[in-house]
Amino acid sequence: MIDIKSDIERTYLKMENLQDIEYISNFNLVGSILLKWSKIRKTEELETIMGCMNEMAFYNLKLKRERDDLLKVVSQYRADKIRAVERARKAEEKLYNR
């Protein structure tokens, strides 16, 4: 039997990884262009944009960590639930099969 839930989870994680790679690639491209421009001519506006980029990077990292932590917690709760159901099932079997 195919475990659909784990297939969906694996697909979701693959999509998340691809999106993370795309974000990092785009962020690095924009960052390198801004850095090149700042070496050519520093302006207050450019410094503001670079500061905003740093804040966006830290915010994105925070969101990613929260998402990853949430996925871990949900996975742990799911595993705990499955173990509890199995224990209850075994206890019922022992009780009724005396």
PDB file of N, CA and C in Angstrom:
ATOM      1  N   MET A   1       0.833  -1.191   0.000  1.00  0.00           N
ATOM      2  CA  MET A   1       0.000   0.000   0.000  1.00  0.00           C
ATOM      3  C   MET A   1       0.878   1.254   0.000  1.00  0.00           C
ATOM      4  N   ILE A   2       0.516   2.228  -0.793  1.00  0.00           N
ATOM      5  CA  ILE A   2       1.277   3.467  -0.906  1.00  0.00           C
ATOM      6  C   ILE A   2       0.886   4.402   0.237  1.00  0.00           C
ATOM      7  N   ASP A   3       1.882   4.956   0.895  1.00  0.00           N
ATOM      8  CA  ASP A   3       1.628   5.910   1.974  1.00  0.00           C
ATOM      9  C   ASP A   3       1.487   7.292   1.349  1.00  0.00           C
ATOM     10  N   ILE A   4       0.246   7.688   1.086  1.00  0.00           N
ATOM     11  CA  ILE A   4      -0.017   8.947   0.380  1.00  0.00           C
ATOM     12  C   ILE A   4       0.478  10.143   1.180  1.00  0.00           C
ATOM     13  N   LYS A   5       0.247  10.123   2.483  1.00  0.00           N
ATOM     14  CA  LYS A   5       0.639  11.255   3.305  1.00  0.00           C
ATOM     15  C   LYS A   5       2.144  11.516   3.211  1.00  0.00           C
ATOM     16  N   SER A   6       2.946  10.458   3.276  1.00  0.00           N
ATOM     17  CA  SER A   6       4.390  10.668   3.202  1.00  0.00           C
ATOM     18  C   SER A   6       4.806  11.116   1.802  1.00  0.00           C
ATOM     19  N   ASP A   7       4.101  10.640   0.757  1.00  0.00           N
ATOM     20  CA  ASP A   7       4.390  11.113  -0.599  1.00  0.00           C
ATOM     21  C   ASP A   7       4.098  12.608  -0.722  1.00  0.00           C
ATOM     22  N   ILE A   8       2.992  13.035  -0.156  1.00  0.00           N
ATOM     23  CA  ILE A   8       2.634  14.459  -0.176  1.00  0.00           C
ATOM     24  C   ILE A   8       3.663  15.267   0.607  1.00  0.00           C
ATOM     25  N   GLU A   9       4.061  14.761   1.758  1.00  0.00           N
ATOM     26  CA  GLU A   9       5.058  15.466   2.566  1.00  0.00           C
ATOM     27  C   GLU A   9       6.390  15.556   1.836  1.00  0.00           C
ATOM     28  N   ARG A  10       6.805  14.470   1.200  1.00  0.00           N
ATOM     29  CA  ARG A  10       8.074  14.494   0.454  1.00  0.00           C
ATOM     30  C   ARG A  10       8.009  15.494  -0.702  1.00  0.00           C
ATOM     31  N   THR A  11       6.870  15.504  -1.400  1.00  0.00           N
ATOM     32  CA  THR A  11       6.702  16.447  -2.506  1.00  0.00           C
ATOM     33  C   THR A  11       6.734  17.878  -1.988  1.00  0.00           C
ATOM     34  N   TYR A  12       6.051  18.118  -0.872  1.00  0.00           N
ATOM     35  CA  TYR A  12       6.036  19.457  -0.267  1.00  0.00           C
ATOM     36  C   TYR A  12       7.452  19.897   0.098  1.00  0.00           C
ATOM     37  N   LEU A  13       8.211  19.001   0.716  1.00  0.00           N
ATOM     38  CA  LEU A  13       9.575  19.350   1.110  1.00  0.00           C
ATOM     39  C   LEU A  13      10.465  19.617  -0.098  1.00  0.00           C
ATOM     40  N   LYS A  14      10.273  18.848  -1.160  1.00  0.00           N
ATOM     41  CA  LYS A  14      11.040  19.100  -2.387  1.00  0.00           C
ATOM     42  C   LYS A  14      10.706  20.476  -2.952  1.00  0.00           C
ATOM     43  N   MET A  15       9.418  20.816  -2.957  1.00  0.00           N
ATOM     44  CA  MET A  15       9.003  22.130  -3.463  1.00  0.00           C
ATOM     45  C   MET A  15       9.575  23.241  -2.591  1.00  0.00           C
ATOM     46  N   GLU A  16       9.553  23.049  -1.277  1.00  0.00           N
ATOM     47  CA  GLU A  16      10.120  24.042  -0.365  1.00  0.00           C
ATOM     48  C   GLU A  16      11.613  24.215  -0.624  1.00  0.00           C
ATOM     49  N   ASN A  17      12.318  23.111  -0.833  1.00  0.00           N
ATOM     50  CA  ASN A  17      13.756  23.198  -1.109  1.00  0.00           C
ATOM     51  C   ASN A  17      14.029  23.946  -2.406  1.00  0.00           C
ATOM     52  N   LEU A  18      13.239  23.678  -3.431  1.00  0.00           N
ATOM     53  CA  LEU A  18      13.407  24.395  -4.701  1.00  0.00           C
ATOM     54  C   LEU A  18      13.136  25.891  -4.526  1.00  0.00           C
ATOM     55  N   GLN A  19      12.098  26.224  -3.770  1.00  0.00           N
ATOM     56  CA  GLN A  19      11.790  27.637  -3.531  1.00  0.00           C
ATOM     57  C   GLN A  19      12.894  28.300  -2.723  1.00  0.00           C
ATOM     58  N   ASP A  20      13.448  27.574  -1.751  1.00  0.00           N
ATOM     59  CA  ASP A  20      14.561  28.125  -0.965  1.00  0.00           C
ATOM     60  C   ASP A  20      15.772  28.391  -1.855  1.00  0.00           C
ATOM     61  N   ILE A  21      16.074  27.455  -2.743  1.00  0.00           N
ATOM     62  CA  ILE A  21      17.215  27.630  -3.656  1.00  0.00           C
ATOM     63  C   ILE A  21      16.974  28.832  -4.569  1.00  0.00           C
ATOM     64  N   GLU A  22      15.749  28.959  -5.066  1.00  0.00           N
ATOM     65  CA  GLU A  22      15.428  30.094  -5.936  1.00  0.00           C
ATOM     66  C   GLU A  22      15.550  31.416  -5.185  1.00  0.00           C
ATOM     67  N   TYR A  23      15.045  31.453  -3.945  1.00  0.00           N
ATOM     68  CA  TYR A  23      15.148  32.671  -3.130  1.00  0.00           C
ATOM     69  C   TYR A  23      16.615  33.036  -2.898  1.00  0.00           C
ATOM     70  N   ILE A  24      17.417  32.061  -2.491  1.00  0.00           N
ATOM     71  CA  ILE A  24      18.828  32.318  -2.198  1.00  0.00           C
ATOM     72  C   ILE A  24      19.549  32.799  -3.448  1.00  0.00           C
ATOM     73  N   SER A  25      19.260  32.172  -4.573  1.00  0.00           N
ATOM     74  CA  SER A  25      19.883  32.568  -5.833  1.00  0.00           C
ATOM     75  C   SER A  25      19.517  34.009  -6.195  1.00  0.00           C
ATOM     76  N   ASN A  26      18.234  34.334  -6.122  1.00  0.00           N
ATOM     77  CA  ASN A  26      17.789  35.696  -6.442  1.00  0.00           C
ATOM     78  C   ASN A  26      18.362  36.717  -5.461  1.00  0.00           C
ATOM     79  N   PHE A  27      18.373  36.367  -4.182  1.00  0.00           N
ATOM     80  CA  PHE A  27      18.896  37.281  -3.169  1.00  0.00           C
ATOM     81  C   PHE A  27      20.381  37.535  -3.403  1.00  0.00           C
ATOM     82  N   ASN A  28      21.125  36.473  -3.714  1.00  0.00           N
ATOM     83  CA  ASN A  28      22.560  36.636  -3.978  1.00  0.00           C
ATOM     84  C   ASN A  28      22.813  37.483  -5.214  1.00  0.00           C
ATOM     85  N   LEU A  29      21.996  37.305  -6.249  1.00  0.00           N
ATOM     86  CA  LEU A  29      22.147  38.101  -7.462  1.00  0.00           C
ATOM     87  C   LEU A  29      21.917  39.583  -7.170  1.00  0.00           C
ATOM     88  N   VAL A  30      20.809  39.885  -6.505  1.00  0.00           N
ATOM     89  CA  VAL A  30      20.507  41.287  -6.177  1.00  0.00           C
ATOM     90  C   VAL A  30      21.576  41.855  -5.253  1.00  0.00           C
ATOM     91  N   GLY A  31      21.993  41.053  -4.262  1.00  0.00           N
ATOM     92  CA  GLY A  31      23.025  41.512  -3.332  1.00  0.00           C
ATOM     93  C   GLY A  31      24.344  41.806  -4.020  1.00  0.00           C
ATOM     94  N   SER A  32      24.740  40.953  -4.938  1.00  0.00           N
ATOM     95  CA  SER A  32      26.017  41.185  -5.633  1.00  0.00           C
ATOM     96  C   SER A  32      25.948  42.422  -6.521  1.00  0.00           C
ATOM     97  N   ILE A  33      24.801  42.655  -7.154  1.00  0.00           N
ATOM     98  CA  ILE A  33      24.647  43.864  -7.974  1.00  0.00           C
ATOM     99  C   ILE A  33      24.702  45.110  -7.100  1.00  0.00           C
ATOM    100  N   LEU A  34      24.001  45.076  -5.962  1.00  0.00           N
ATOM    101  CA  LEU A  34      24.028  46.227  -5.049  1.00  0.00           C
ATOM    102  C   LEU A  34      25.436  46.473  -4.518  1.00  0.00           C
ATOM    103  N   LEU A  35      26.140  45.418  -4.203  1.00  0.00           N
ATOM    104  CA  LEU A  35      27.511  45.554  -3.703  1.00  0.00           C
ATOM    105  C   LEU A  35      28.410  46.163  -4.776  1.00  0.00           C
ATOM    106  N   LYS A  36      28.237  45.717  -6.024  1.00  0.00           N
ATOM    107  CA  LYS A  36      29.019  46.270  -7.136  1.00  0.00           C
ATOM    108  C   LYS A  36      28.726  47.762  -7.295  1.00  0.00           C
ATOM    109  N   TRP A  37      27.441  48.127  -7.239  1.00  0.00           N
ATOM    110  CA  TRP A  37      27.065  49.533  -7.361  1.00  0.00           C
ATOM    111  C   TRP A  37      27.636  50.369  -6.213  1.00  0.00           C
ATOM    112  N   SER A  38      27.627  49.781  -5.002  1.00  0.00           N
ATOM    113  CA  SER A  38      28.121  50.549  -3.853  1.00  0.00           C
ATOM    114  C   SER A  38      29.628  50.771  -3.944  1.00  0.00           C
ATOM    115  N   LYS A  39      30.349  49.869  -4.607  1.00  0.00           N
ATOM    116  CA  LYS A  39      31.795  50.059  -4.788  1.00  0.00           C
ATOM    117  C   LYS A  39      32.070  51.140  -5.824  1.00  0.00           C
ATOM    118  N   ILE A  40      31.157  51.266  -6.779  1.00  0.00           N
ATOM    119  CA  ILE A  40      31.313  52.288  -7.808  1.00  0.00           C
ATOM    120  C   ILE A  40      30.980  53.669  -7.236  1.00  0.00           C
ATOM    121  N   ARG A  41      29.850  53.736  -6.567  1.00  0.00           N
ATOM    122  CA  ARG A  41      29.413  55.033  -6.027  1.00  0.00           C
ATOM    123  C   ARG A  41      28.434  54.803  -4.882  1.00  0.00           C
ATOM    124  N   LYS A  42      28.886  55.147  -3.680  1.00  0.00           N
ATOM    125  CA  LYS A  42      28.024  54.984  -2.507  1.00  0.00           C
ATOM    126  C   LYS A  42      27.079  56.174  -2.407  1.00  0.00           C
ATOM    127  N   THR A  43      25.805  55.845  -2.206  1.00  0.00           N
ATOM    128  CA  THR A  43      24.818  56.887  -1.973  1.00  0.00           C
ATOM    129  C   THR A  43      23.995  56.487  -0.755  1.00  0.00           C
ATOM    130  N   GLU A  44      23.340  57.452  -0.172  1.00  0.00           N
ATOM    131  CA  GLU A  44      22.490  57.191   0.993  1.00  0.00           C
ATOM    132  C   GLU A  44      21.330  56.260   0.604  1.00  0.00           C
ATOM    133  N   GLU A  45      20.806  56.484  -0.590  1.00  0.00           N
ATOM    134  CA  GLU A  45      19.694  55.664  -1.058  1.00  0.00           C
ATOM    135  C   GLU A  45      20.127  54.197  -1.232  1.00  0.00           C
ATOM    136  N   LEU A  46      21.316  53.999  -1.777  1.00  0.00           N
ATOM    137  CA  LEU A  46      21.836  52.651  -1.966  1.00  0.00           C
ATOM    138  C   LEU A  46      22.103  51.973  -0.621  1.00  0.00           C
ATOM    139  N   GLU A  47      22.631  52.721   0.330  1.00  0.00           N
ATOM    140  CA  GLU A  47      22.866  52.177   1.671  1.00  0.00           C
ATOM    141  C   GLU A  47      21.535  51.772   2.318  1.00  0.00           C
ATOM    142  N   THR A  48      20.498  52.584   2.111  1.00  0.00           N
ATOM    143  CA  THR A  48      19.172  52.262   2.644  1.00  0.00           C
ATOM    144  C   THR A  48      18.645  50.969   2.027  1.00  0.00           C
ATOM    145  N   ILE A  49      18.797  50.826   0.724  1.00  0.00           N
ATOM    146  CA  ILE A  49      18.335  49.611   0.032  1.00  0.00           C
ATOM    147  C   ILE A  49      19.090  48.389   0.551  1.00  0.00           C
ATOM    148  N   MET A  50      20.398  48.514   0.731  1.00  0.00           N
ATOM    149  CA  MET A  50      21.187  47.389   1.230  1.00  0.00           C
ATOM    150  C   MET A  50      20.777  47.020   2.655  1.00  0.00           C
ATOM    151  N   GLY A  51      20.487  48.018   3.475  1.00  0.00           N
ATOM    152  CA  GLY A  51      20.003  47.750   4.831  1.00  0.00           C
ATOM    153  C   GLY A  51      18.659  47.031   4.809  1.00  0.00           C
ATOM    154  N   CYS A  52      17.787  47.470   3.913  1.00  0.00           N
ATOM    155  CA  CYS A  52      16.476  46.810   3.764  1.00  0.00           C
ATOM    156  C   CYS A  52      16.644  45.366   3.303  1.00  0.00           C
ATOM    157  N   MET A  53      17.575  45.137   2.399  1.00  0.00           N
ATOM    158  CA  MET A  53      17.834  43.771   1.937  1.00  0.00           C
ATOM    159  C   MET A  53      18.284  42.884   3.102  1.00  0.00           C
ATOM    160  N   ASN A  54      19.144  43.414   3.965  1.00  0.00           N
ATOM    161  CA  ASN A  54      19.587  42.649   5.136  1.00  0.00           C
ATOM    162  C   ASN A  54      18.410  42.329   6.046  1.00  0.00           C
ATOM    163  N   GLU A  55      17.548  43.303   6.290  1.00  0.00           N
ATOM    164  CA  GLU A  55      16.381  43.074   7.140  1.00  0.00           C
ATOM    165  C   GLU A  55      15.454  42.030   6.528  1.00  0.00           C
ATOM    166  N   MET A  56      15.269  42.091   5.207  1.00  0.00           N
ATOM    167  CA  MET A  56      14.420  41.100   4.542  1.00  0.00           C
ATOM    168  C   MET A  56      15.036  39.704   4.651  1.00  0.00           C
ATOM    169  N   ALA A  57      16.352  39.616   4.552  1.00  0.00           N
ATOM    170  CA  ALA A  57      17.018  38.314   4.655  1.00  0.00           C
ATOM    171  C   ALA A  57      16.820  37.722   6.050  1.00  0.00           C
ATOM    172  N   PHE A  58      17.002  38.541   7.084  1.00  0.00           N
ATOM    173  CA  PHE A  58      16.818  38.049   8.449  1.00  0.00           C
ATOM    174  C   PHE A  58      15.367  37.665   8.719  1.00  0.00           C
ATOM    175  N   TYR A  59      14.438  38.441   8.185  1.00  0.00           N
ATOM    176  CA  TYR A  59      13.015  38.127   8.354  1.00  0.00           C
ATOM    177  C   TYR A  59      12.678  36.813   7.658  1.00  0.00           C
ATOM    178  N   ASN A  60      13.193  36.637   6.447  1.00  0.00           N
ATOM    179  CA  ASN A  60      12.946  35.398   5.706  1.00  0.00           C
ATOM    180  C   ASN A  60      13.540  34.206   6.446  1.00  0.00           C
ATOM    181  N   LEU A  61      14.727  34.367   6.991  1.00  0.00           N
ATOM    182  CA  LEU A  61      15.372  33.300   7.751  1.00  0.00           C
ATOM    183  C   LEU A  61      14.531  32.940   8.976  1.00  0.00           C
ATOM    184  N   LYS A  62      14.000  33.956   9.658  1.00  0.00           N
ATOM    185  CA  LYS A  62      13.139  33.723  10.824  1.00  0.00           C
ATOM    186  C   LYS A  62      11.903  32.931  10.419  1.00  0.00           C
ATOM    187  N   LEU A  63      11.272  33.308   9.321  1.00  0.00           N
ATOM    188  CA  LEU A  63      10.084  32.594   8.846  1.00  0.00           C
ATOM    189  C   LEU A  63      10.418  31.143   8.492  1.00  0.00           C
ATOM    190  N   LYS A  64      11.555  30.946   7.844  1.00  0.00           N
ATOM    191  CA  LYS A  64      11.962  29.589   7.471  1.00  0.00           C
ATOM    192  C   LYS A  64      12.206  28.745   8.714  1.00  0.00           C
ATOM    193  N   ARG A  65      12.879  29.292   9.699  1.00  0.00           N
ATOM    194  CA  ARG A  65      13.121  28.544  10.940  1.00  0.00           C
ATOM    195  C   ARG A  65      11.807  28.198  11.631  1.00  0.00           C
ATOM    196  N   GLU A  66      10.880  29.167  11.687  1.00  0.00           N
ATOM    197  CA  GLU A  66       9.575  28.909  12.308  1.00  0.00           C
ATOM    198  C   GLU A  66       8.828  27.816  11.552  1.00  0.00           C
ATOM    199  N   ARG A  67       8.870  27.861  10.218  1.00  0.00           N
ATOM    200  CA  ARG A  67       8.218  26.840   9.395  1.00  0.00           C
ATOM    201  C   ARG A  67       8.836  25.469   9.667  1.00  0.00           C
ATOM    202  N   ASP A  68      10.156  25.406   9.680  1.00  0.00           N
ATOM    203  CA  ASP A  68      10.836  24.139   9.925  1.00  0.00           C
ATOM    204  C   ASP A  68      10.509  23.599  11.322  1.00  0.00           C
ATOM    205  N   ASP A  69      10.497  24.483  12.321  1.00  0.00           N
ATOM    206  CA  ASP A  69      10.155  24.060  13.679  1.00  0.00           C
ATOM    207  C   ASP A  69       8.718  23.553  13.749  1.00  0.00           C
ATOM    208  N   LEU A  70       7.816  24.238  13.074  1.00  0.00           N
ATOM    209  CA  LEU A  70       6.417  23.816  13.061  1.00  0.00           C
ATOM    210  C   LEU A  70       6.274  22.439  12.418  1.00  0.00           C
ATOM    211  N   LEU A  71       6.951  22.223  11.298  1.00  0.00           N
ATOM    212  CA  LEU A  71       6.897  20.916  10.634  1.00  0.00           C
ATOM    213  C   LEU A  71       7.433  19.808  11.542  1.00  0.00           C
ATOM    214  N   LYS A  72       8.495  20.101  12.294  1.00  0.00           N
ATOM    215  CA  LYS A  72       9.036  19.110  13.220  1.00  0.00           C
ATOM    216  C   LYS A  72       8.039  18.788  14.325  1.00  0.00           C
ATOM    217  N   VAL A  73       7.413  19.822  14.881  1.00  0.00           N
ATOM    218  CA  VAL A  73       6.442  19.623  15.959  1.00  0.00           C
ATOM    219  C   VAL A  73       5.252  18.814  15.466  1.00  0.00           C
ATOM    220  N   VAL A  74       4.729  19.165  14.299  1.00  0.00           N
ATOM    221  CA  VAL A  74       3.594  18.434  13.737  1.00  0.00           C
ATOM    222  C   VAL A  74       3.979  16.977  13.492  1.00  0.00           C
ATOM    223  N   SER A  75       5.170  16.749  12.981  1.00  0.00           N
ATOM    224  CA  SER A  75       5.637  15.389  12.739  1.00  0.00           C
ATOM    225  C   SER A  75       5.753  14.608  14.046  1.00  0.00           C
ATOM    226  N   GLN A  76       6.278  15.250  15.095  1.00  0.00           N
ATOM    227  CA  GLN A  76       6.396  14.590  16.395  1.00  0.00           C
ATOM    228  C   GLN A  76       5.019  14.278  16.976  1.00  0.00           C
ATOM    229  N   TYR A  77       4.072  15.227  16.880  1.00  0.00           N
ATOM    230  CA  TYR A  77       2.715  14.981  17.373  1.00  0.00           C
ATOM    231  C   TYR A  77       2.074  13.829  16.624  1.00  0.00           C
ATOM    232  N   ARG A  78       2.271  13.795  15.320  1.00  0.00           N
ATOM    233  CA  ARG A  78       1.702  12.719  14.513  1.00  0.00           C
ATOM    234  C   ARG A  78       2.281  11.373  14.939  1.00  0.00           C
ATOM    235  N   ALA A  79       3.591  11.315  15.135  1.00  0.00           N
ATOM    236  CA  ALA A  79       4.235  10.068  15.566  1.00  0.00           C
ATOM    237  C   ALA A  79       3.745   9.657  16.951  1.00  0.00           C
ATOM    238  N   ASP A  80       3.607  10.627  17.856  1.00  0.00           N
ATOM    239  CA  ASP A  80       3.096  10.329  19.197  1.00  0.00           C
ATOM    240  C   ASP A  80       1.674   9.784  19.129  1.00  0.00           C
ATOM    241  N   LYS A  81       0.857  10.365  18.282  1.00  0.00           N
ATOM    242  CA  LYS A  81      -0.528   9.913  18.129  1.00  0.00           C
ATOM    243  C   LYS A  81      -0.569   8.483  17.603  1.00  0.00           C
ATOM    244  N   ILE A  82       0.246   8.198  16.611  1.00  0.00           N
ATOM    245  CA  ILE A  82       0.285   6.851  16.039  1.00  0.00           C
ATOM    246  C   ILE A  82       0.725   5.843  17.099  1.00  0.00           C
ATOM    247  N   ARG A  83       1.740   6.197  17.890  1.00  0.00           N
ATOM    248  CA  ARG A  83       2.194   5.300  18.958  1.00  0.00           C
ATOM    249  C   ARG A  83       1.097   5.084  19.993  1.00  0.00           C
ATOM    250  N   ALA A  84       0.372   6.149  20.357  1.00  0.00           N
ATOM    251  CA  ALA A  84      -0.704   6.026  21.343  1.00  0.00           C
ATOM    252  C   ALA A  84      -1.828   5.140  20.819  1.00  0.00           C
ATOM    253  N   VAL A  85      -2.180   5.290  19.564  1.00  0.00           N
ATOM    254  CA  VAL A  85      -3.227   4.453  18.967  1.00  0.00           C
ATOM    255  C   VAL A  85      -2.775   2.999  18.953  1.00  0.00           C
ATOM    256  N   GLU A  86      -1.523   2.749  18.594  1.00  0.00           N
ATOM    257  CA  GLU A  86      -1.003   1.377  18.581  1.00  0.00           C
ATOM    258  C   GLU A  86      -1.020   0.777  19.987  1.00  0.00           C
ATOM    259  N   ARG A  87      -0.618   1.554  20.994  1.00  0.00           N
ATOM    260  CA  ARG A  87      -0.642   1.049  22.376  1.00  0.00           C
ATOM    261  C   ARG A  87      -2.071   0.727  22.808  1.00  0.00           C
ATOM    262  N   ALA A  88      -3.006   1.596  22.461  1.00  0.00           N
ATOM    263  CA  ALA A  88      -4.407   1.359  22.804  1.00  0.00           C
ATOM    264  C   ALA A  88      -4.933   0.110  22.099  1.00  0.00           C
ATOM    265  N   ARG A  89      -4.575  -0.050  20.855  1.00  0.00           N
ATOM    266  CA  ARG A  89      -5.006  -1.218  20.094  1.00  0.00           C
ATOM    267  C   ARG A  89      -4.460  -2.506  20.715  1.00  0.00           C
ATOM    268  N   LYS A  90      -3.178  -2.498  21.102  1.00  0.00           N
ATOM    269  CA  LYS A  90      -2.578  -3.673  21.733  1.00  0.00           C
ATOM    270  C   LYS A  90      -3.220  -3.958  23.085  1.00  0.00           C
ATOM    271  N   ALA A  91      -3.513  -2.894  23.833  1.00  0.00           N
ATOM    272  CA  ALA A  91      -4.166  -3.079  25.137  1.00  0.00           C
ATOM    273  C   ALA A  91      -5.557  -3.681  24.955  1.00  0.00           C
ATOM    274  N   GLU A  92      -6.295  -3.244  23.965  1.00  0.00           N
ATOM    275  CA  GLU A  92      -7.622  -3.796  23.684  1.00  0.00           C
ATOM    276  C   GLU A  92      -7.519  -5.264  23.281  1.00  0.00           C
ATOM    277  N   GLU A  93      -6.521  -5.589  22.459  1.00  0.00           N
ATOM    278  CA  GLU A  93      -6.338  -6.973  22.051  1.00  0.00           C
ATOM    279  C   GLU A  93      -6.071  -7.869  23.260  1.00  0.00           C
ATOM    280  N   LYS A  94      -5.195  -7.402  24.154  1.00  0.00           N
ATOM    281  CA  LYS A  94      -4.903  -8.180  25.362  1.00  0.00           C
ATOM    282  C   LYS A  94      -6.139  -8.337  26.226  1.00  0.00           C
ATOM    283  N   LEU A  95      -6.909  -7.272  26.339  1.00  0.00           N
ATOM    284  CA  LEU A  95      -8.102  -7.282  27.175  1.00  0.00           C
ATOM    285  C   LEU A  95      -9.157  -8.248  26.631  1.00  0.00           C
ATOM    286  N   TYR A  96      -9.390  -8.229  25.343  1.00  0.00           N
ATOM    287  CA  TYR A  96     -10.451  -9.040  24.756  1.00  0.00           C
ATOM    288  C   TYR A  96     -10.009 -10.446  24.361  1.00  0.00           C
ATOM    289  N   ASN A  97      -8.730 -10.711  24.307  1.00  0.00           N
ATOM    290  CA  ASN A  97      -8.222 -12.022  23.885  1.00  0.00           C
ATOM    291  C   ASN A  97      -7.681 -12.829  25.063  1.00  0.00           C
ATOM    292  N   ARG A  98      -8.209 -12.648  26.231  1.00  0.00           N
ATOM    293  CA  ARG A  98      -7.738 -13.417  27.390  1.00  0.00           C
ATOM    294  C   ARG A  98      -8.193 -14.823  27.321  1.00  0.00           C
TER     295      ARG A  98
END
